[in-house]
Amino acid sequence: MKRLEDMDLIDDFLNNALANSTEYAEEAYRIILEALLGFSIGEISIINQRTFAPPHPDMRGIRLDVEITERDKYGQKIRMYDYEPHAENDLDFPKHNRFYQAKIDNKNMKSGDDDFAHMPELYVITITNFDIWGYDYMLYTFENSCREVPEIKYGDGLHFLYFNTKGSKGGSESIKNMLSYIQTSRDINVVDNSTRKLDELIDRVKDLEEVRSGYMTLGHLIDRETREAKVKAREEGLEEGRVQGLAEGREQGLEEGRVQGLEEGREQGREQGHEDGQLQEREKNIMAMFRNGLSAELISKYLELDINVVNSVLDKMTVMTH
């Protein structure tokens, strides 16, 4: 696990810590967006780890890493940005982002609204440190168009932008500089006014007491989970040996098997109680890691749990807090 001082903006923890900062988040993400998108960003508001609950328990909700809303001088939404860094190539990104876009757009129309022209533009921004398509571009832009008449401007206001921090082709100097800083947030990549301002803000975020204590807590949780995983592996090995021994022992006589059967019944009861306790402990760890800045994907990786298990616990937490 990296030291906090060595964390980069591509890392979930630092990105979430920045988004959670009421003092620095708006300025920092304005700098990032302006460098990557190439236009000025107005008044914005930020929600970190924004959850859109599913309409039904059997359906899937979404959780945005950083939701950024830009408004005009009258307070009307004009643009929305879903900003999502990913350090793991473990998703079908086009379909993942299609699903997220649908959920976000659904929230922008109230019951009875029929003027779709007022829907804000939506920028789904994915930052990766790997090349999804393999053409070595810094930026891949996807927008709807007409196959038969490509020059037609479809005008639905939807933009899917994929930034590759390790790409070398396409993009502006501003994009290249910002992606280099997001990938490795060090002095060596402070090369222009935007990265200089952002680096100052990142240093302040890392110095915040709540960020430092949160990172220490996270480290303790990961260390504990690692130790418990090792103990569990050892216990499972011993259990496998015990089961094999019992199978051989049963052949020695029915009476021994009866006695052992009673003992196994007691053991199963103890195991069920232990399993229930482990489940409660797992849920506590998932919630603690989420509150300390880890995304569901990273929690899934650290705890070696299926992502659906993690999302189920986080959805339960969302329901309990609303």
C-alpha atoms as a PDB file:
ATOM      1  CA  MET A   1       0.000   0.000   0.000  1.00  0.00           C
ATOM      2  CA  LYS A   2       1.371   3.424  -0.993  1.00  0.00           C
ATOM      3  CA  ARG A   3       2.199   6.101   1.503  1.00  0.00           C
ATOM      4  CA  LEU A   4      -0.320   8.951   1.473  1.00  0.00           C
ATOM      5  CA  GLU A   5       2.422  11.275   0.203  1.00  0.00           C
ATOM      6  CA  ASP A   6       2.835   9.005  -2.832  1.00  0.00           C
ATOM      7  CA  MET A   7      -0.851   8.813  -3.757  1.00  0.00           C
ATOM      8  CA  ASP A   8      -1.804  10.035  -7.247  1.00  0.00           C
ATOM      9  CA  LEU A   9      -5.061  11.466  -8.586  1.00  0.00           C
ATOM     10  CA  ILE A  10      -5.674   8.264 -10.556  1.00  0.00           C
ATOM     11  CA  ASP A  11      -5.959   6.505  -7.164  1.00  0.00           C
ATOM     12  CA  ASP A  12      -9.451   6.159  -5.696  1.00  0.00           C
ATOM     13  CA  PHE A  13      -8.515   7.333  -2.231  1.00  0.00           C
ATOM     14  CA  LEU A  14      -6.939  10.645  -3.260  1.00  0.00           C
ATOM     15  CA  ASN A  15      -9.611  11.383  -5.850  1.00  0.00           C
ATOM     16  CA  ASN A  16     -12.341  10.786  -3.254  1.00  0.00           C
ATOM     17  CA  ALA A  17     -10.485  12.815  -0.624  1.00  0.00           C
ATOM     18  CA  LEU A  18     -10.292  15.732  -3.055  1.00  0.00           C
ATOM     19  CA  ALA A  19     -13.979  15.429  -3.987  1.00  0.00           C
ATOM     20  CA  ASN A  20     -14.923  15.353  -0.284  1.00  0.00           C
ATOM     21  CA  SER A  21     -13.036  18.561   0.444  1.00  0.00           C
ATOM     22  CA  THR A  22     -15.535  21.401   0.727  1.00  0.00           C
ATOM     23  CA  GLU A  23     -12.679  23.921   0.641  1.00  0.00           C
ATOM     24  CA  TYR A  24     -10.709  22.696  -2.376  1.00  0.00           C
ATOM     25  CA  ALA A  25     -12.926  20.469  -4.533  1.00  0.00           C
ATOM     26  CA  GLU A  26     -14.647  23.064  -6.716  1.00  0.00           C
ATOM     27  CA  GLU A  27     -11.458  24.890  -7.646  1.00  0.00           C
ATOM     28  CA  ALA A  28      -9.542  21.670  -8.264  1.00  0.00           C
ATOM     29  CA  TYR A  29     -12.132  20.052 -10.521  1.00  0.00           C
ATOM     30  CA  ARG A  30     -12.645  23.284 -12.436  1.00  0.00           C
ATOM     31  CA  ILE A  31      -8.900  23.267 -13.181  1.00  0.00           C
ATOM     32  CA  ILE A  32      -9.022  19.612 -14.251  1.00  0.00           C
ATOM     33  CA  LEU A  33     -12.100  20.011 -16.462  1.00  0.00           C
ATOM     34  CA  GLU A  34     -10.872  23.168 -18.163  1.00  0.00           C
ATOM     35  CA  ALA A  35      -7.523  21.550 -18.972  1.00  0.00           C
ATOM     36  CA  LEU A  36      -9.109  18.359 -20.330  1.00  0.00           C
ATOM     37  CA  LEU A  37     -12.115  19.856 -22.129  1.00  0.00           C
ATOM     38  CA  GLY A  38     -10.579  23.054 -23.446  1.00  0.00           C
ATOM     39  CA  PHE A  39     -13.341  25.483 -22.442  1.00  0.00           C
ATOM     40  CA  SER A  40     -14.163  27.632 -19.415  1.00  0.00           C
ATOM     41  CA  ILE A  41     -16.237  26.126 -16.613  1.00  0.00           C
ATOM     42  CA  GLY A  42     -18.671  28.350 -14.715  1.00  0.00           C
ATOM     43  CA  GLU A  43     -20.286  27.909 -11.310  1.00  0.00           C
ATOM     44  CA  ILE A  44     -20.149  24.267 -10.266  1.00  0.00           C
ATOM     45  CA  SER A  45     -21.288  22.071  -7.379  1.00  0.00           C
ATOM     46  CA  ILE A  46     -19.822  18.688  -6.528  1.00  0.00           C
ATOM     47  CA  ILE A  47     -21.226  15.542  -4.949  1.00  0.00           C
ATOM     48  CA  ASN A  48     -18.798  12.746  -4.141  1.00  0.00           C
ATOM     49  CA  GLN A  49     -19.929   9.115  -4.425  1.00  0.00           C
ATOM     50  CA  ARG A  50     -23.431  10.145  -5.513  1.00  0.00           C
ATOM     51  CA  THR A  51     -25.820   7.203  -5.280  1.00  0.00           C
ATOM     52  CA  PHE A  52     -28.860   6.732  -7.510  1.00  0.00           C
ATOM     53  CA  ALA A  53     -30.913   4.000  -5.836  1.00  0.00           C
ATOM     54  CA  PRO A  54     -32.632   1.432  -8.071  1.00  0.00           C
ATOM     55  CA  PRO A  55     -36.408   1.736  -8.584  1.00  0.00           C
ATOM     56  CA  HIS A  56     -36.807  -1.852  -7.371  1.00  0.00           C
ATOM     57  CA  PRO A  57     -34.699  -4.037  -5.018  1.00  0.00           C
ATOM     58  CA  ASP A  58     -34.072  -6.539  -7.833  1.00  0.00           C
ATOM     59  CA  MET A  59     -32.626  -3.834 -10.087  1.00  0.00           C
ATOM     60  CA  ARG A  60     -29.214  -2.157 -10.012  1.00  0.00           C
ATOM     61  CA  GLY A  61     -28.524   1.402  -8.941  1.00  0.00           C
ATOM     62  CA  ILE A  62     -25.355   3.375  -9.669  1.00  0.00           C
ATOM     63  CA  ARG A  63     -22.731   5.208  -7.648  1.00  0.00           C
ATOM     64  CA  LEU A  64     -20.866   8.055  -9.353  1.00  0.00           C
ATOM     65  CA  ASP A  65     -17.283   8.741  -8.280  1.00  0.00           C
ATOM     66  CA  VAL A  66     -17.661  12.493  -8.740  1.00  0.00           C
ATOM     67  CA  GLU A  67     -20.821  14.222  -9.963  1.00  0.00           C
ATOM     68  CA  ILE A  68     -20.205  17.801 -11.092  1.00  0.00           C
ATOM     69  CA  THR A  69     -23.079  20.114 -12.000  1.00  0.00           C
ATOM     70  CA  GLU A  70     -22.539  23.418 -13.817  1.00  0.00           C
ATOM     71  CA  ARG A  71     -25.225  26.120 -13.678  1.00  0.00           C
ATOM     72  CA  ASP A  72     -25.795  29.393 -15.483  1.00  0.00           C
ATOM     73  CA  LYS A  73     -26.290  32.753 -13.770  1.00  0.00           C
ATOM     74  CA  TYR A  74     -29.989  31.953 -13.316  1.00  0.00           C
ATOM     75  CA  GLY A  75     -29.240  28.719 -11.477  1.00  0.00           C
ATOM     76  CA  GLN A  76     -30.307  26.440 -14.331  1.00  0.00           C
ATOM     77  CA  LYS A  77     -28.304  23.291 -15.024  1.00  0.00           C
ATOM     78  CA  ILE A  78     -26.414  23.636 -18.287  1.00  0.00           C
ATOM     79  CA  ARG A  79     -23.853  20.831 -18.068  1.00  0.00           C
ATOM     80  CA  MET A  80     -23.291  17.738 -15.951  1.00  0.00           C
ATOM     81  CA  TYR A  81     -20.017  15.856 -15.662  1.00  0.00           C
ATOM     82  CA  ASP A  82     -19.611  12.288 -14.439  1.00  0.00           C
ATOM     83  CA  TYR A  83     -15.887  12.084 -13.594  1.00  0.00           C
ATOM     84  CA  GLU A  84     -14.646   8.508 -13.125  1.00  0.00           C
ATOM     85  CA  PRO A  85     -10.967   7.501 -12.749  1.00  0.00           C
ATOM     86  CA  HIS A  86     -10.283   3.783 -13.231  1.00  0.00           C
ATOM     87  CA  ALA A  87      -6.990   2.074 -12.444  1.00  0.00           C
ATOM     88  CA  GLU A  88      -8.365  -1.410 -13.174  1.00  0.00           C
ATOM     89  CA  ASN A  89      -9.301  -2.701 -16.630  1.00  0.00           C
ATOM     90  CA  ASP A  90     -12.142  -4.860 -15.326  1.00  0.00           C
ATOM     91  CA  LEU A  91     -15.261  -3.410 -16.970  1.00  0.00           C
ATOM     92  CA  ASP A  92     -17.055  -3.357 -20.292  1.00  0.00           C
ATOM     93  CA  PHE A  93     -16.642   0.416 -20.319  1.00  0.00           C
ATOM     94  CA  PRO A  94     -18.952   1.327 -23.241  1.00  0.00           C
ATOM     95  CA  LYS A  95     -21.917  -0.571 -21.775  1.00  0.00           C
ATOM     96  CA  HIS A  96     -21.049   0.430 -18.210  1.00  0.00           C
ATOM     97  CA  ASN A  97     -21.119   4.099 -19.247  1.00  0.00           C
ATOM     98  CA  ARG A  98     -24.266   3.634 -21.317  1.00  0.00           C
ATOM     99  CA  PHE A  99     -26.037   2.359 -18.185  1.00  0.00           C
ATOM    100  CA  TYR A 100     -24.682   5.207 -16.045  1.00  0.00           C
ATOM    101  CA  GLN A 101     -25.692   7.809 -18.629  1.00  0.00           C
ATOM    102  CA  ALA A 102     -29.260   6.480 -18.711  1.00  0.00           C
ATOM    103  CA  LYS A 103     -29.562   6.677 -14.917  1.00  0.00           C
ATOM    104  CA  ILE A 104     -28.134  10.206 -14.793  1.00  0.00           C
ATOM    105  CA  ASP A 105     -30.417  11.501 -17.568  1.00  0.00           C
ATOM    106  CA  ASN A 106     -33.428   9.936 -15.883  1.00  0.00           C
ATOM    107  CA  LYS A 107     -32.799  12.125 -12.819  1.00  0.00           C
ATOM    108  CA  ASN A 108     -32.852  15.300 -14.906  1.00  0.00           C
ATOM    109  CA  MET A 109     -36.504  15.046 -15.933  1.00  0.00           C
ATOM    110  CA  LYS A 110     -39.284  15.419 -13.390  1.00  0.00           C
ATOM    111  CA  SER A 111     -42.767  14.005 -13.682  1.00  0.00           C
ATOM    112  CA  GLY A 112     -44.773  16.064 -16.168  1.00  0.00           C
ATOM    113  CA  ASP A 113     -41.739  17.631 -17.877  1.00  0.00           C
ATOM    114  CA  ASP A 114     -42.070  17.615 -21.647  1.00  0.00           C
ATOM    115  CA  ASP A 115     -39.509  20.241 -22.652  1.00  0.00           C
ATOM    116  CA  PHE A 116     -36.470  18.056 -23.337  1.00  0.00           C
ATOM    117  CA  ALA A 117     -34.556  21.018 -24.739  1.00  0.00           C
ATOM    118  CA  HIS A 118     -33.721  22.051 -21.159  1.00  0.00           C
ATOM    119  CA  MET A 119     -31.890  18.810 -20.385  1.00  0.00           C
ATOM    120  CA  PRO A 120     -28.276  19.685 -19.523  1.00  0.00           C
ATOM    121  CA  GLU A 121     -25.411  18.467 -21.649  1.00  0.00           C
ATOM    122  CA  LEU A 122     -23.806  15.374 -20.179  1.00  0.00           C
ATOM    123  CA  TYR A 123     -20.088  14.598 -20.251  1.00  0.00           C
ATOM    124  CA  VAL A 124     -19.267  11.069 -19.110  1.00  0.00           C
ATOM    125  CA  ILE A 125     -15.533  11.345 -18.421  1.00  0.00           C
ATOM    126  CA  THR A 126     -13.519   8.166 -17.924  1.00  0.00           C
ATOM    127  CA  ILE A 127      -9.853   8.468 -16.910  1.00  0.00           C
ATOM    128  CA  THR A 128      -7.739   5.304 -17.280  1.00  0.00           C
ATOM    129  CA  ASN A 129      -4.053   4.478 -17.014  1.00  0.00           C
ATOM    130  CA  PHE A 130      -4.431   1.884 -19.771  1.00  0.00           C
ATOM    131  CA  ASP A 131      -5.551   2.034 -23.400  1.00  0.00           C
ATOM    132  CA  ILE A 132      -9.039   0.540 -23.799  1.00  0.00           C
ATOM    133  CA  TRP A 133      -8.870   0.439 -27.624  1.00  0.00           C
ATOM    134  CA  GLY A 134      -5.128   0.155 -28.203  1.00  0.00           C
ATOM    135  CA  TYR A 135      -4.574   3.052 -30.630  1.00  0.00           C
ATOM    136  CA  ASP A 136      -2.304   5.046 -28.263  1.00  0.00           C
ATOM    137  CA  TYR A 137      -4.542   8.143 -28.159  1.00  0.00           C
ATOM    138  CA  MET A 138      -4.721  10.422 -25.128  1.00  0.00           C
ATOM    139  CA  LEU A 139      -8.402  11.049 -25.813  1.00  0.00           C
ATOM    140  CA  TYR A 140     -11.158   9.034 -27.470  1.00  0.00           C
ATOM    141  CA  THR A 141     -14.381  11.025 -28.039  1.00  0.00           C
ATOM    142  CA  PHE A 142     -17.676   9.307 -28.806  1.00  0.00           C
ATOM    143  CA  GLU A 143     -20.771  11.296 -29.837  1.00  0.00           C
ATOM    144  CA  ASN A 144     -23.932  10.263 -31.641  1.00  0.00           C
ATOM    145  CA  SER A 145     -24.034  10.983 -35.376  1.00  0.00           C
ATOM    146  CA  CYS A 146     -25.903  10.009 -38.529  1.00  0.00           C
ATOM    147  CA  ARG A 147     -24.299   7.173 -40.483  1.00  0.00           C
ATOM    148  CA  GLU A 148     -25.840   8.239 -43.810  1.00  0.00           C
ATOM    149  CA  VAL A 149     -25.116  11.978 -43.445  1.00  0.00           C
ATOM    150  CA  PRO A 150     -22.163  12.340 -41.034  1.00  0.00           C
ATOM    151  CA  GLU A 151     -22.137  16.144 -41.230  1.00  0.00           C
ATOM    152  CA  ILE A 152     -25.549  16.312 -39.508  1.00  0.00           C
ATOM    153  CA  LYS A 153     -25.171  17.609 -35.952  1.00  0.00           C
ATOM    154  CA  TYR A 154     -27.322  15.293 -33.873  1.00  0.00           C
ATOM    155  CA  GLY A 155     -27.325  17.678 -30.916  1.00  0.00           C
ATOM    156  CA  ASP A 156     -28.405  15.361 -28.105  1.00  0.00           C
ATOM    157  CA  GLY A 157     -25.791  16.917 -25.785  1.00  0.00           C
ATOM    158  CA  LEU A 158     -24.223  13.554 -24.888  1.00  0.00           C
ATOM    159  CA  HIS A 159     -20.432  13.153 -24.858  1.00  0.00           C
ATOM    160  CA  PHE A 160     -18.457  10.059 -23.859  1.00  0.00           C
ATOM    161  CA  LEU A 161     -14.820  11.019 -23.283  1.00  0.00           C
ATOM    162  CA  TYR A 162     -12.129   8.431 -22.521  1.00  0.00           C
ATOM    163  CA  PHE A 163      -8.779   9.859 -21.410  1.00  0.00           C
ATOM    164  CA  ASN A 164      -5.756   7.551 -21.450  1.00  0.00           C
ATOM    165  CA  THR A 165      -2.995   8.868 -19.155  1.00  0.00           C
ATOM    166  CA  LYS A 166      -0.374   6.822 -21.018  1.00  0.00           C
ATOM    167  CA  GLY A 167      -1.405   7.784 -24.552  1.00  0.00           C
ATOM    168  CA  SER A 168       0.928   9.754 -26.819  1.00  0.00           C
ATOM    169  CA  LYS A 169      -1.221  10.621 -29.855  1.00  0.00           C
ATOM    170  CA  GLY A 170      -3.837  13.341 -30.321  1.00  0.00           C
ATOM    171  CA  GLY A 171      -4.925  15.774 -27.659  1.00  0.00           C
ATOM    172  CA  SER A 172      -3.549  19.185 -26.777  1.00  0.00           C
ATOM    173  CA  GLU A 173      -0.520  20.134 -24.717  1.00  0.00           C
ATOM    174  CA  SER A 174      -2.910  21.047 -21.895  1.00  0.00           C
ATOM    175  CA  ILE A 175      -4.485  17.567 -21.984  1.00  0.00           C
ATOM    176  CA  LYS A 176      -1.081  15.881 -22.058  1.00  0.00           C
ATOM    177  CA  ASN A 177       0.165  17.880 -19.055  1.00  0.00           C
ATOM    178  CA  MET A 178      -2.970  17.258 -16.989  1.00  0.00           C
ATOM    179  CA  LEU A 179      -3.062  13.517 -17.744  1.00  0.00           C
ATOM    180  CA  SER A 180       0.615  13.196 -16.785  1.00  0.00           C
ATOM    181  CA  TYR A 181      -0.141  14.889 -13.469  1.00  0.00           C
ATOM    182  CA  ILE A 182      -3.227  12.730 -12.815  1.00  0.00           C
ATOM    183  CA  GLN A 183      -1.162   9.596 -13.484  1.00  0.00           C
ATOM    184  CA  THR A 184       1.821  10.673 -11.339  1.00  0.00           C
ATOM    185  CA  SER A 185       0.990  13.619  -9.077  1.00  0.00           C
ATOM    186  CA  ARG A 186       4.561  14.772  -8.401  1.00  0.00           C
ATOM    187  CA  ASP A 187       6.648  17.914  -8.844  1.00  0.00           C
ATOM    188  CA  ILE A 188       8.159  16.470 -12.018  1.00  0.00           C
ATOM    189  CA  ASN A 189       4.747  16.811 -13.718  1.00  0.00           C
ATOM    190  CA  VAL A 190       4.093  20.377 -12.528  1.00  0.00           C
ATOM    191  CA  VAL A 191       4.816  21.981 -15.890  1.00  0.00           C
ATOM    192  CA  ASP A 192       2.190  24.681 -16.482  1.00  0.00           C
ATOM    193  CA  ASN A 193      -0.139  27.011 -14.607  1.00  0.00           C
ATOM    194  CA  SER A 194      -2.965  24.458 -14.335  1.00  0.00           C
ATOM    195  CA  THR A 195      -0.833  21.652 -12.891  1.00  0.00           C
ATOM    196  CA  ARG A 196       0.908  24.140 -10.574  1.00  0.00           C
ATOM    197  CA  LYS A 197      -2.374  25.334  -9.081  1.00  0.00           C
ATOM    198  CA  LEU A 198      -3.719  21.790  -8.838  1.00  0.00           C
ATOM    199  CA  ASP A 199      -0.540  20.524  -7.155  1.00  0.00           C
ATOM    200  CA  GLU A 200      -0.865  23.203  -4.461  1.00  0.00           C
ATOM    201  CA  LEU A 201      -4.454  22.108  -3.775  1.00  0.00           C
ATOM    202  CA  ILE A 202      -3.502  18.416  -3.677  1.00  0.00           C
ATOM    203  CA  ASP A 203      -0.757  19.140  -1.126  1.00  0.00           C
ATOM    204  CA  ARG A 204      -3.313  20.894   1.078  1.00  0.00           C
ATOM    205  CA  VAL A 205      -5.764  18.005   0.786  1.00  0.00           C
ATOM    206  CA  LYS A 206      -3.070  15.497   1.798  1.00  0.00           C
ATOM    207  CA  ASP A 207      -2.313  17.627   4.861  1.00  0.00           C
ATOM    208  CA  LEU A 208      -5.933  17.619   6.080  1.00  0.00           C
ATOM    209  CA  GLU A 209      -6.239  15.803   9.413  1.00  0.00           C
ATOM    210  CA  GLU A 210      -9.354  13.891   8.339  1.00  0.00           C
ATOM    211  CA  VAL A 211      -7.567  12.653   5.214  1.00  0.00           C
ATOM    212  CA  ARG A 212      -4.491  11.499   7.144  1.00  0.00           C
ATOM    213  CA  SER A 213      -6.525   9.754   9.846  1.00  0.00           C
ATOM    214  CA  GLY A 214      -8.807   8.215   7.215  1.00  0.00           C
ATOM    215  CA  TYR A 215      -5.822   6.813   5.334  1.00  0.00           C
ATOM    216  CA  MET A 216      -4.355   5.337   8.514  1.00  0.00           C
ATOM    217  CA  THR A 217      -7.703   3.716   9.309  1.00  0.00           C
ATOM    218  CA  LEU A 218      -7.841   2.315   5.804  1.00  0.00           C
ATOM    219  CA  GLY A 219      -4.347   0.856   6.189  1.00  0.00           C
ATOM    220  CA  HIS A 220      -5.317  -0.828   9.463  1.00  0.00           C
ATOM    221  CA  LEU A 221      -8.441  -2.308   7.851  1.00  0.00           C
ATOM    222  CA  ILE A 222      -6.484  -3.711   4.927  1.00  0.00           C
ATOM    223  CA  ASP A 223      -3.803  -5.151   7.236  1.00  0.00           C
ATOM    224  CA  ARG A 224      -6.464  -6.785   9.398  1.00  0.00           C
ATOM    225  CA  GLU A 225      -8.264  -8.246   6.393  1.00  0.00           C
ATOM    226  CA  THR A 226      -4.963  -9.636   5.107  1.00  0.00           C
ATOM    227  CA  ARG A 227      -4.207 -11.293   8.453  1.00  0.00           C
ATOM    228  CA  GLU A 228      -7.721 -12.715   8.709  1.00  0.00           C
ATOM    229  CA  ALA A 229      -7.509 -14.062   5.166  1.00  0.00           C
ATOM    230  CA  LYS A 230      -4.314 -15.929   6.073  1.00  0.00           C
ATOM    231  CA  VAL A 231      -5.909 -17.382   9.230  1.00  0.00           C
ATOM    232  CA  LYS A 232      -8.991 -18.416   7.277  1.00  0.00           C
ATOM    233  CA  ALA A 233      -6.858 -20.161   4.648  1.00  0.00           C
ATOM    234  CA  ARG A 234      -5.047 -22.095   7.384  1.00  0.00           C
ATOM    235  CA  GLU A 235      -8.331 -23.054   9.077  1.00  0.00           C
ATOM    236  CA  GLU A 236      -9.804 -24.233   5.778  1.00  0.00           C
ATOM    237  CA  GLY A 237      -6.736 -26.418   5.235  1.00  0.00           C
ATOM    238  CA  LEU A 238      -7.113 -27.917   8.699  1.00  0.00           C
ATOM    239  CA  GLU A 239     -10.832 -28.459   8.142  1.00  0.00           C
ATOM    240  CA  GLU A 240     -10.191 -30.272   4.892  1.00  0.00           C
ATOM    241  CA  GLY A 241      -7.763 -32.566   6.688  1.00  0.00           C
ATOM    242  CA  ARG A 242     -10.271 -33.138   9.504  1.00  0.00           C
ATOM    243  CA  VAL A 243     -13.034 -34.076   7.057  1.00  0.00           C
ATOM    244  CA  GLN A 244     -10.771 -36.533   5.305  1.00  0.00           C
ATOM    245  CA  GLY A 245      -9.753 -38.033   8.635  1.00  0.00           C
ATOM    246  CA  LEU A 246     -13.379 -38.407   9.682  1.00  0.00           C
ATOM    247  CA  ALA A 247     -14.242 -40.190   6.462  1.00  0.00           C
ATOM    248  CA  GLU A 248     -11.503 -42.699   7.130  1.00  0.00           C
ATOM    249  CA  GLY A 249     -12.505 -42.965  10.795  1.00  0.00           C
ATOM    250  CA  ARG A 250     -16.141 -43.756   9.976  1.00  0.00           C
ATOM    251  CA  GLU A 251     -15.015 -46.930   8.343  1.00  0.00           C
ATOM    252  CA  GLN A 252     -13.799 -48.137  11.750  1.00  0.00           C
ATOM    253  CA  GLY A 253     -17.262 -48.487  13.234  1.00  0.00           C
ATOM    254  CA  LEU A 254     -20.847 -47.219  13.422  1.00  0.00           C
ATOM    255  CA  GLU A 255     -20.555 -46.131  17.053  1.00  0.00           C
ATOM    256  CA  GLU A 256     -17.665 -43.855  16.335  1.00  0.00           C
ATOM    257  CA  GLY A 257     -19.631 -42.458  13.417  1.00  0.00           C
ATOM    258  CA  ARG A 258     -22.643 -41.770  15.670  1.00  0.00           C
ATOM    259  CA  VAL A 259     -20.538 -39.939  18.233  1.00  0.00           C
ATOM    260  CA  GLN A 260     -18.802 -38.020  15.507  1.00  0.00           C
ATOM    261  CA  GLY A 261     -22.148 -37.148  13.931  1.00  0.00           C
ATOM    262  CA  LEU A 262     -23.260 -35.540  17.178  1.00  0.00           C
ATOM    263  CA  GLU A 263     -20.023 -33.616  17.353  1.00  0.00           C
ATOM    264  CA  GLU A 264     -20.413 -32.478  13.756  1.00  0.00           C
ATOM    265  CA  GLY A 265     -23.902 -31.214  14.544  1.00  0.00           C
ATOM    266  CA  ARG A 266     -22.512 -29.147  17.370  1.00  0.00           C
ATOM    267  CA  GLU A 267     -19.674 -27.986  15.138  1.00  0.00           C
ATOM    268  CA  GLN A 268     -22.108 -26.917  12.417  1.00  0.00           C
ATOM    269  CA  GLY A 269     -23.958 -24.813  14.936  1.00  0.00           C
ATOM    270  CA  ARG A 270     -20.729 -23.184  16.023  1.00  0.00           C
ATOM    271  CA  GLU A 271     -19.714 -22.675  12.393  1.00  0.00           C
ATOM    272  CA  GLN A 272     -23.044 -21.024  11.569  1.00  0.00           C
ATOM    273  CA  GLY A 273     -22.627 -18.621  14.459  1.00  0.00           C
ATOM    274  CA  HIS A 274     -19.068 -17.929  13.361  1.00  0.00           C
ATOM    275  CA  GLU A 275     -20.222 -17.402   9.768  1.00  0.00           C
ATOM    276  CA  ASP A 276     -22.906 -14.934  10.871  1.00  0.00           C
ATOM    277  CA  GLY A 277     -20.305 -13.050  12.879  1.00  0.00           C
ATOM    278  CA  GLN A 278     -17.948 -12.979   9.883  1.00  0.00           C
ATOM    279  CA  LEU A 279     -20.755 -11.615   7.707  1.00  0.00           C
ATOM    280  CA  GLN A 280     -21.427  -8.772  10.139  1.00  0.00           C
ATOM    281  CA  GLU A 281     -17.701  -8.032  10.373  1.00  0.00           C
ATOM    282  CA  ARG A 282     -17.411  -8.025   6.580  1.00  0.00           C
ATOM    283  CA  GLU A 283     -20.255  -5.515   6.284  1.00  0.00           C
ATOM    284  CA  LYS A 284     -18.598  -3.281   8.901  1.00  0.00           C
ATOM    285  CA  ASN A 285     -15.326  -3.393   6.982  1.00  0.00           C
ATOM    286  CA  ILE A 286     -16.995  -2.605   3.651  1.00  0.00           C
ATOM    287  CA  MET A 287     -18.805   0.397   5.131  1.00  0.00           C
ATOM    288  CA  ALA A 288     -15.668   1.647   6.906  1.00  0.00           C
ATOM    289  CA  MET A 289     -13.552   1.371   3.754  1.00  0.00           C
ATOM    290  CA  PHE A 290     -16.234   3.167   1.714  1.00  0.00           C
ATOM    291  CA  ARG A 291     -16.435   6.000   4.258  1.00  0.00           C
ATOM    292  CA  ASN A 292     -12.645   6.264   4.103  1.00  0.00           C
ATOM    293  CA  GLY A 293     -12.663   6.972   0.395  1.00  0.00           C
ATOM    294  CA  LEU A 294     -12.525   3.626  -1.446  1.00  0.00           C
ATOM    295  CA  SER A 295     -14.790   2.869  -4.370  1.00  0.00           C
ATOM    296  CA  ALA A 296     -16.844  -0.309  -4.525  1.00  0.00           C
ATOM    297  CA  GLU A 297     -14.462  -1.694  -7.171  1.00  0.00           C
ATOM    298  CA  LEU A 298     -11.385  -1.159  -4.984  1.00  0.00           C
ATOM    299  CA  ILE A 299     -13.120  -2.590  -1.894  1.00  0.00           C
ATOM    300  CA  SER A 300     -14.005  -5.644  -3.977  1.00  0.00           C
ATOM    301  CA  LYS A 301     -10.344  -6.023  -4.965  1.00  0.00           C
ATOM    302  CA  TYR A 302      -8.898  -5.566  -1.456  1.00  0.00           C
ATOM    303  CA  LEU A 303     -11.377  -7.889   0.268  1.00  0.00           C
ATOM    304  CA  GLU A 304     -11.488 -10.367  -2.625  1.00  0.00           C
ATOM    305  CA  LEU A 305     -15.271 -10.175  -2.779  1.00  0.00           C
ATOM    306  CA  ASP A 306     -17.610 -10.210  -5.738  1.00  0.00           C
ATOM    307  CA  ILE A 307     -18.498  -6.616  -6.729  1.00  0.00           C
ATOM    308  CA  ASN A 308     -22.218  -7.474  -6.404  1.00  0.00           C
ATOM    309  CA  VAL A 309     -21.688  -8.411  -2.735  1.00  0.00           C
ATOM    310  CA  VAL A 310     -20.000  -5.053  -2.075  1.00  0.00           C
ATOM    311  CA  ASN A 311     -22.686  -3.098  -3.928  1.00  0.00           C
ATOM    312  CA  SER A 312     -25.395  -4.956  -1.985  1.00  0.00           C
ATOM    313  CA  VAL A 313     -23.884  -3.857   1.335  1.00  0.00           C
ATOM    314  CA  LEU A 314     -23.424  -0.261   0.139  1.00  0.00           C
ATOM    315  CA  ASP A 315     -27.000  -0.138  -1.182  1.00  0.00           C
ATOM    316  CA  LYS A 316     -28.208  -1.303   2.229  1.00  0.00           C
ATOM    317  CA  MET A 317     -26.162   1.467   3.850  1.00  0.00           C
ATOM    318  CA  THR A 318     -27.708   4.019   1.464  1.00  0.00           C
ATOM    319  CA  VAL A 319     -31.234   2.894   2.385  1.00  0.00           C
ATOM    320  CA  MET A 320     -30.425   3.072   6.117  1.00  0.00           C
ATOM    321  CA  THR A 321     -29.133   6.636   5.838  1.00  0.00           C
ATOM    322  CA  HIS A 322     -32.121   7.998   3.901  1.00  0.00           C
END
